[in-house]
């Protein structure tokens, strides 16, 4: 498995509020399926970050693209493979 950083930048605050619960439910399900390493919002309300676990960029894009925030247009999706390094 590889790590993929999904930057979810705020696009539409009204849609963001409307789809919040669906987004949280989606992330909860992805966590149950062990497809998320970490997640959280930016404290300046600019959006959030999800680190997905997947075999390929295409699979990660498929998973991340299913987030209701993305499908509704509430947030944009920027996805990158992430070479995680732990601090020593």
N, C-alpha and C. Protein backbone atom coordinates (compact mmCIF):
# COMPACT_ATOMS: atom_id res chain seq x y z
N UNK A 1 0.84 -1.18 0.00
CA UNK A 1 0.00 0.00 0.00
C UNK A 1 0.88 1.25 0.00
N UNK A 2 0.40 2.25 -0.70
CA UNK A 2 1.07 3.54 -0.75
C UNK A 2 0.17 4.59 -0.11
N UNK A 3 0.77 5.72 0.23
CA UNK A 3 0.04 6.83 0.83
C UNK A 3 -0.26 7.89 -0.23
N UNK A 4 -1.45 8.46 -0.15
CA UNK A 4 -1.87 9.51 -1.08
C UNK A 4 -2.49 10.65 -0.29
N UNK A 5 -1.95 11.85 -0.47
CA UNK A 5 -2.44 13.04 0.23
C UNK A 5 -3.52 13.71 -0.62
N UNK A 6 -4.70 13.81 -0.05
CA UNK A 6 -5.82 14.47 -0.71
C UNK A 6 -6.05 15.82 -0.03
N UNK A 7 -5.74 16.89 -0.75
CA UNK A 7 -6.01 18.24 -0.26
C UNK A 7 -7.41 18.61 -0.72
N UNK A 8 -8.26 18.90 0.24
CA UNK A 8 -9.65 19.26 -0.06
C UNK A 8 -9.83 20.75 0.23
N UNK A 9 -9.61 21.55 -0.79
CA UNK A 9 -9.67 23.00 -0.64
C UNK A 9 -11.10 23.51 -0.73
N UNK A 10 -11.45 24.41 0.19
CA UNK A 10 -12.79 24.97 0.25
C UNK A 10 -13.13 25.69 -1.06
N UNK A 11 -14.30 25.38 -1.58
CA UNK A 11 -14.77 26.00 -2.81
C UNK A 11 -16.11 26.71 -2.59
N UNK A 12 -17.01 26.05 -1.83
CA UNK A 12 -18.36 26.59 -1.64
C UNK A 12 -18.78 26.31 -0.19
N UNK A 13 -18.77 27.34 0.65
CA UNK A 13 -19.07 27.15 2.08
C UNK A 13 -20.50 26.68 2.32
N UNK A 14 -21.43 27.12 1.51
CA UNK A 14 -22.82 26.69 1.67
C UNK A 14 -22.96 25.19 1.40
N UNK A 15 -22.38 24.74 0.29
CA UNK A 15 -22.40 23.30 -0.01
C UNK A 15 -21.62 22.53 1.05
N UNK A 16 -20.54 23.10 1.54
CA UNK A 16 -19.74 22.46 2.58
C UNK A 16 -20.61 22.14 3.79
N UNK A 17 -21.42 23.11 4.21
CA UNK A 17 -22.31 22.90 5.36
C UNK A 17 -23.39 21.87 5.03
N UNK A 18 -23.92 21.93 3.84
CA UNK A 18 -24.98 21.00 3.42
C UNK A 18 -24.50 19.55 3.40
N UNK A 19 -23.28 19.33 2.92
CA UNK A 19 -22.77 17.96 2.73
C UNK A 19 -21.86 17.49 3.85
N UNK A 20 -21.75 18.25 4.92
CA UNK A 20 -20.83 17.89 6.01
C UNK A 20 -21.08 16.49 6.56
N UNK A 21 -22.31 16.18 6.92
CA UNK A 21 -22.58 14.87 7.52
C UNK A 21 -22.29 13.74 6.55
N UNK A 22 -22.63 13.92 5.28
CA UNK A 22 -22.33 12.88 4.29
C UNK A 22 -20.82 12.69 4.15
N UNK A 23 -20.07 13.79 4.21
CA UNK A 23 -18.61 13.72 4.15
C UNK A 23 -18.07 12.94 5.36
N UNK A 24 -18.55 13.26 6.55
CA UNK A 24 -18.10 12.57 7.77
C UNK A 24 -18.46 11.09 7.69
N UNK A 25 -19.65 10.77 7.24
CA UNK A 25 -20.07 9.37 7.09
C UNK A 25 -19.18 8.63 6.10
N UNK A 26 -18.84 9.30 4.99
CA UNK A 26 -17.95 8.72 3.99
C UNK A 26 -16.59 8.40 4.60
N UNK A 27 -16.02 9.37 5.32
CA UNK A 27 -14.71 9.16 5.93
C UNK A 27 -14.75 8.05 6.97
N UNK A 28 -15.81 8.00 7.75
CA UNK A 28 -15.97 6.93 8.74
C UNK A 28 -15.97 5.57 8.07
N UNK A 29 -16.68 5.45 6.96
CA UNK A 29 -16.72 4.19 6.22
C UNK A 29 -15.34 3.84 5.65
N UNK A 30 -14.66 4.82 5.11
CA UNK A 30 -13.32 4.57 4.56
C UNK A 30 -12.35 4.14 5.66
N UNK A 31 -12.50 4.69 6.86
CA UNK A 31 -11.67 4.26 7.99
C UNK A 31 -11.97 2.82 8.36
N UNK A 32 -13.24 2.45 8.37
CA UNK A 32 -13.62 1.06 8.68
C UNK A 32 -13.03 0.09 7.67
N UNK A 33 -12.87 0.56 6.43
CA UNK A 33 -12.30 -0.27 5.37
C UNK A 33 -10.78 -0.15 5.30
N UNK A 34 -10.17 0.52 6.28
CA UNK A 34 -8.72 0.71 6.36
C UNK A 34 -8.14 1.41 5.14
N UNK A 35 -8.87 2.38 4.60
CA UNK A 35 -8.43 3.14 3.43
C UNK A 35 -7.93 4.53 3.80
N UNK A 36 -7.93 4.85 5.11
CA UNK A 36 -7.45 6.16 5.55
C UNK A 36 -6.37 5.97 6.61
N UNK A 37 -5.28 6.70 6.44
CA UNK A 37 -4.18 6.70 7.41
C UNK A 37 -4.40 7.82 8.44
N UNK A 38 -4.80 8.99 7.96
CA UNK A 38 -5.02 10.15 8.83
C UNK A 38 -5.93 11.14 8.11
N UNK A 39 -6.55 12.02 8.90
CA UNK A 39 -7.42 13.03 8.30
C UNK A 39 -7.61 14.18 9.28
N UNK A 40 -7.97 15.34 8.76
CA UNK A 40 -8.25 16.48 9.61
C UNK A 40 -8.51 17.74 8.81
N UNK A 41 -9.11 18.71 9.49
CA UNK A 41 -9.43 19.98 8.83
C UNK A 41 -8.33 20.99 9.09
N UNK A 42 -8.25 21.98 8.23
CA UNK A 42 -7.33 23.09 8.44
C UNK A 42 -8.02 24.07 9.37
N UNK A 43 -7.29 24.55 10.36
CA UNK A 43 -7.87 25.40 11.39
C UNK A 43 -8.27 26.78 10.88
N UNK A 44 -7.83 27.15 9.69
CA UNK A 44 -8.24 28.44 9.12
C UNK A 44 -9.45 28.29 8.20
N UNK A 45 -10.11 27.13 8.24
CA UNK A 45 -11.30 26.83 7.44
C UNK A 45 -11.05 26.85 5.94
N UNK A 46 -9.81 26.62 5.53
CA UNK A 46 -9.47 26.59 4.11
C UNK A 46 -9.79 25.24 3.48
N UNK A 47 -10.14 24.24 4.30
CA UNK A 47 -10.42 22.90 3.80
C UNK A 47 -9.86 21.86 4.75
N UNK A 48 -9.31 20.79 4.17
CA UNK A 48 -8.76 19.73 5.00
C UNK A 48 -7.84 18.82 4.22
N UNK A 49 -7.32 17.82 4.92
CA UNK A 49 -6.37 16.87 4.35
C UNK A 49 -6.77 15.47 4.77
N UNK A 50 -6.76 14.55 3.81
CA UNK A 50 -6.97 13.13 4.09
C UNK A 50 -5.80 12.38 3.48
N UNK A 51 -5.20 11.48 4.25
CA UNK A 51 -4.15 10.61 3.73
C UNK A 51 -4.79 9.24 3.50
N UNK A 52 -4.94 8.90 2.23
CA UNK A 52 -5.54 7.62 1.85
C UNK A 52 -4.47 6.56 1.67
N UNK A 53 -4.86 5.31 1.86
CA UNK A 53 -4.02 4.15 1.58
C UNK A 53 -4.61 3.45 0.37
N UNK A 54 -3.78 3.24 -0.65
CA UNK A 54 -4.26 2.59 -1.87
C UNK A 54 -3.07 1.97 -2.60
N UNK A 55 -3.38 1.09 -3.55
CA UNK A 55 -2.34 0.42 -4.33
C UNK A 55 -1.81 1.28 -5.47
N UNK A 56 -2.60 2.27 -5.92
CA UNK A 56 -2.19 3.09 -7.06
C UNK A 56 -2.84 4.46 -6.98
N UNK A 57 -2.28 5.38 -7.74
CA UNK A 57 -2.86 6.72 -7.81
C UNK A 57 -4.28 6.66 -8.36
N UNK A 58 -4.49 5.81 -9.34
CA UNK A 58 -5.82 5.68 -9.94
C UNK A 58 -6.84 5.21 -8.90
N UNK A 59 -6.46 4.23 -8.08
CA UNK A 59 -7.37 3.73 -7.04
C UNK A 59 -7.61 4.81 -5.98
N UNK A 60 -6.56 5.52 -5.60
CA UNK A 60 -6.72 6.60 -4.62
C UNK A 60 -7.64 7.68 -5.17
N UNK A 61 -7.50 8.02 -6.46
CA UNK A 61 -8.36 9.02 -7.09
C UNK A 61 -9.82 8.55 -7.10
N UNK A 62 -10.01 7.27 -7.34
CA UNK A 62 -11.36 6.70 -7.33
C UNK A 62 -11.99 6.83 -5.93
N UNK A 63 -11.21 6.50 -4.91
CA UNK A 63 -11.71 6.58 -3.53
C UNK A 63 -11.98 8.03 -3.14
N UNK A 64 -10.96 8.88 -3.28
CA UNK A 64 -11.07 10.28 -2.87
C UNK A 64 -12.14 11.02 -3.67
N UNK A 65 -12.27 10.65 -4.92
CA UNK A 65 -13.27 11.29 -5.78
C UNK A 65 -14.69 10.97 -5.40
N UNK A 66 -14.88 9.94 -4.56
CA UNK A 66 -16.21 9.57 -4.08
C UNK A 66 -16.67 10.35 -2.87
N UNK A 67 -15.80 11.20 -2.32
CA UNK A 67 -16.15 12.00 -1.16
C UNK A 67 -17.27 12.97 -1.55
N UNK A 68 -18.35 13.01 -0.78
CA UNK A 68 -19.45 13.93 -1.10
C UNK A 68 -19.03 15.39 -1.22
N UNK A 69 -18.01 15.80 -0.52
CA UNK A 69 -17.51 17.17 -0.69
C UNK A 69 -17.00 17.39 -2.11
N UNK A 70 -16.39 16.37 -2.68
CA UNK A 70 -15.84 16.47 -4.03
C UNK A 70 -16.96 16.34 -5.06
N UNK A 71 -17.81 15.34 -4.91
CA UNK A 71 -18.87 15.11 -5.90
C UNK A 71 -19.88 16.25 -5.95
N UNK A 72 -20.07 16.93 -4.82
CA UNK A 72 -21.03 18.04 -4.77
C UNK A 72 -20.44 19.37 -5.24
N UNK A 73 -19.12 19.44 -5.32
CA UNK A 73 -18.46 20.68 -5.68
C UNK A 73 -18.21 21.61 -4.50
N UNK A 74 -18.39 21.09 -3.27
CA UNK A 74 -18.13 21.90 -2.09
C UNK A 74 -16.64 22.18 -1.92
N UNK A 75 -15.82 21.22 -2.34
CA UNK A 75 -14.36 21.37 -2.24
C UNK A 75 -13.71 20.80 -3.49
N UNK A 76 -12.54 21.33 -3.80
CA UNK A 76 -11.75 20.78 -4.89
C UNK A 76 -10.86 19.67 -4.34
N UNK A 77 -10.43 18.79 -5.20
CA UNK A 77 -9.56 17.69 -4.82
C UNK A 77 -8.22 17.84 -5.53
N UNK A 78 -7.16 17.85 -4.74
CA UNK A 78 -5.79 17.81 -5.25
C UNK A 78 -5.15 16.58 -4.63
N UNK A 79 -4.69 15.65 -5.44
CA UNK A 79 -4.21 14.36 -4.94
C UNK A 79 -2.77 14.13 -5.37
N UNK A 80 -1.94 13.71 -4.39
CA UNK A 80 -0.52 13.45 -4.64
C UNK A 80 -0.09 12.18 -3.91
N UNK A 81 0.78 11.39 -4.57
CA UNK A 81 1.40 10.28 -3.84
C UNK A 81 2.33 10.91 -2.81
N UNK A 82 2.33 10.36 -1.59
CA UNK A 82 3.06 10.92 -0.48
C UNK A 82 4.11 9.94 0.00
N UNK A 83 5.35 10.36 0.02
CA UNK A 83 6.46 9.53 0.51
C UNK A 83 6.65 9.85 1.97
N UNK A 84 5.91 9.17 2.82
CA UNK A 84 5.90 9.46 4.24
C UNK A 84 7.24 9.10 4.89
N UNK A 85 7.72 10.02 5.70
CA UNK A 85 8.92 9.81 6.50
C UNK A 85 8.55 10.10 7.96
N UNK A 86 8.86 9.20 8.85
CA UNK A 86 8.61 9.42 10.27
C UNK A 86 9.80 10.15 10.89
N UNK A 87 9.52 11.08 11.75
CA UNK A 87 10.57 11.81 12.47
C UNK A 87 11.32 10.84 13.37
N UNK A 88 12.60 11.03 13.48
CA UNK A 88 13.40 10.12 14.30
C UNK A 88 13.79 10.74 15.61
